[in-house]
């Protein structure tokens, strides 16, 4: 039994299923952008 049962007016969020390869690609690109930003900040 859930801690907080559903009540009238509650909203349920169902996230779409995302392929693991897509998530890995997004993670990799985000990490590269972060590293570039850090390097650019150090260079200034």
N, C-alpha and C. Protein backbone atom coordinates (compact mmCIF):
# COMPACT_ATOMS: atom_id res chain seq x y z
N UNK A 1 0.84 -1.18 0.00
CA UNK A 1 0.00 0.00 0.00
C UNK A 1 0.89 1.25 0.00
N UNK A 2 0.64 2.18 -0.92
CA UNK A 2 1.48 3.39 -0.97
C UNK A 2 1.26 4.26 0.27
N UNK A 3 2.29 5.03 0.61
CA UNK A 3 2.20 5.93 1.76
C UNK A 3 1.09 6.96 1.57
N UNK A 4 1.01 7.49 0.36
CA UNK A 4 0.03 8.53 0.06
C UNK A 4 -0.89 8.04 -1.04
N UNK A 5 -2.05 7.54 -0.71
CA UNK A 5 -2.95 7.02 -1.75
C UNK A 5 -3.43 8.15 -2.68
N UNK A 6 -3.76 7.76 -3.90
CA UNK A 6 -4.25 8.74 -4.86
C UNK A 6 -5.61 9.26 -4.44
N UNK A 7 -5.78 10.55 -4.66
CA UNK A 7 -7.07 11.17 -4.34
C UNK A 7 -7.56 11.93 -5.56
N UNK A 8 -8.82 12.30 -5.53
CA UNK A 8 -9.41 13.07 -6.63
C UNK A 8 -8.61 14.36 -6.82
N UNK A 9 -8.28 14.67 -8.05
CA UNK A 9 -7.53 15.88 -8.36
C UNK A 9 -6.02 15.66 -8.44
N UNK A 10 -5.54 14.51 -7.99
CA UNK A 10 -4.11 14.20 -8.09
C UNK A 10 -3.72 14.06 -9.55
N UNK A 11 -2.49 14.41 -9.87
CA UNK A 11 -1.99 14.26 -11.22
C UNK A 11 -0.90 13.20 -11.22
N UNK A 12 -0.90 12.36 -12.23
CA UNK A 12 0.10 11.31 -12.36
C UNK A 12 0.98 11.66 -13.56
N UNK A 13 2.29 11.65 -13.34
CA UNK A 13 3.24 11.95 -14.40
C UNK A 13 3.84 10.64 -14.89
N UNK A 14 3.65 10.33 -16.18
CA UNK A 14 4.22 9.12 -16.77
C UNK A 14 5.26 9.56 -17.78
N UNK A 15 6.53 9.30 -17.46
CA UNK A 15 7.61 9.70 -18.35
C UNK A 15 7.73 8.71 -19.50
N UNK A 16 8.09 9.21 -20.68
CA UNK A 16 8.25 8.30 -21.81
C UNK A 16 9.47 7.41 -21.62
N UNK A 17 9.40 6.21 -22.16
CA UNK A 17 10.54 5.29 -22.07
C UNK A 17 11.62 5.79 -23.03
N UNK A 18 12.82 5.96 -22.50
CA UNK A 18 13.93 6.48 -23.29
C UNK A 18 14.97 5.38 -23.44
N UNK A 19 15.45 5.24 -24.66
CA UNK A 19 16.47 4.23 -24.95
C UNK A 19 17.75 4.54 -24.18
N UNK A 20 18.39 3.54 -23.64
CA UNK A 20 19.61 3.71 -22.85
C UNK A 20 20.72 4.35 -23.68
N UNK A 21 20.78 4.05 -24.97
CA UNK A 21 21.82 4.63 -25.83
C UNK A 21 21.64 6.13 -25.97
N UNK A 22 20.40 6.57 -26.06
CA UNK A 22 20.11 8.01 -26.16
C UNK A 22 20.52 8.70 -24.87
N UNK A 23 20.19 8.09 -23.73
CA UNK A 23 20.55 8.69 -22.45
C UNK A 23 22.07 8.78 -22.30
N UNK A 24 22.78 7.76 -22.73
CA UNK A 24 24.24 7.78 -22.66
C UNK A 24 24.81 8.88 -23.55
N UNK A 25 24.23 9.05 -24.74
CA UNK A 25 24.69 10.10 -25.65
C UNK A 25 24.46 11.48 -25.04
N UNK A 26 23.31 11.68 -24.43
CA UNK A 26 23.00 12.97 -23.80
C UNK A 26 23.98 13.22 -22.65
N UNK A 27 24.25 12.20 -21.87
CA UNK A 27 25.21 12.32 -20.76
C UNK A 27 26.59 12.70 -21.29
N UNK A 28 27.02 12.05 -22.35
CA UNK A 28 28.35 12.32 -22.91
C UNK A 28 28.45 13.75 -23.43
N UNK A 29 27.45 14.20 -24.17
CA UNK A 29 27.46 15.55 -24.72
C UNK A 29 27.43 16.58 -23.60
N UNK A 30 26.61 16.34 -22.60
CA UNK A 30 26.54 17.27 -21.46
C UNK A 30 27.88 17.35 -20.75
N UNK A 31 28.54 16.22 -20.59
CA UNK A 31 29.84 16.22 -19.91
C UNK A 31 30.88 16.98 -20.73
N UNK A 32 30.86 16.83 -22.04
CA UNK A 32 31.80 17.56 -22.91
C UNK A 32 31.56 19.07 -22.81
N UNK A 33 30.30 19.48 -22.86
CA UNK A 33 29.97 20.90 -22.76
C UNK A 33 30.42 21.45 -21.40
N UNK A 34 30.20 20.68 -20.35
CA UNK A 34 30.62 21.10 -19.01
C UNK A 34 32.13 21.27 -18.95
N UNK A 35 32.86 20.31 -19.51
CA UNK A 35 34.33 20.39 -19.48
C UNK A 35 34.84 21.58 -20.28
N UNK A 36 34.21 21.88 -21.40
CA UNK A 36 34.59 23.06 -22.20
C UNK A 36 34.34 24.33 -21.40
N UNK A 37 33.19 24.39 -20.72
CA UNK A 37 32.86 25.56 -19.93
C UNK A 37 33.86 25.76 -18.79
N UNK A 38 34.24 24.67 -18.14
CA UNK A 38 35.22 24.76 -17.05
C UNK A 38 36.58 25.23 -17.60
N UNK A 39 36.99 24.66 -18.73
CA UNK A 39 38.28 25.03 -19.32
C UNK A 39 38.26 26.49 -19.76
N UNK A 40 37.17 26.96 -20.31
CA UNK A 40 37.07 28.34 -20.75
C UNK A 40 37.12 29.29 -19.55
N UNK A 41 36.52 28.90 -18.45
CA UNK A 41 36.52 29.72 -17.25
C UNK A 41 37.92 29.80 -16.65
N UNK A 42 38.66 28.71 -16.71
CA UNK A 42 40.01 28.69 -16.17
C UNK A 42 40.93 29.54 -17.03
N UNK A 43 40.69 29.55 -18.34
CA UNK A 43 41.56 30.26 -19.28
C UNK A 43 41.39 31.79 -19.17
N UNK A 44 40.26 32.24 -18.64
CA UNK A 44 40.04 33.70 -18.58
C UNK A 44 40.55 34.30 -17.31
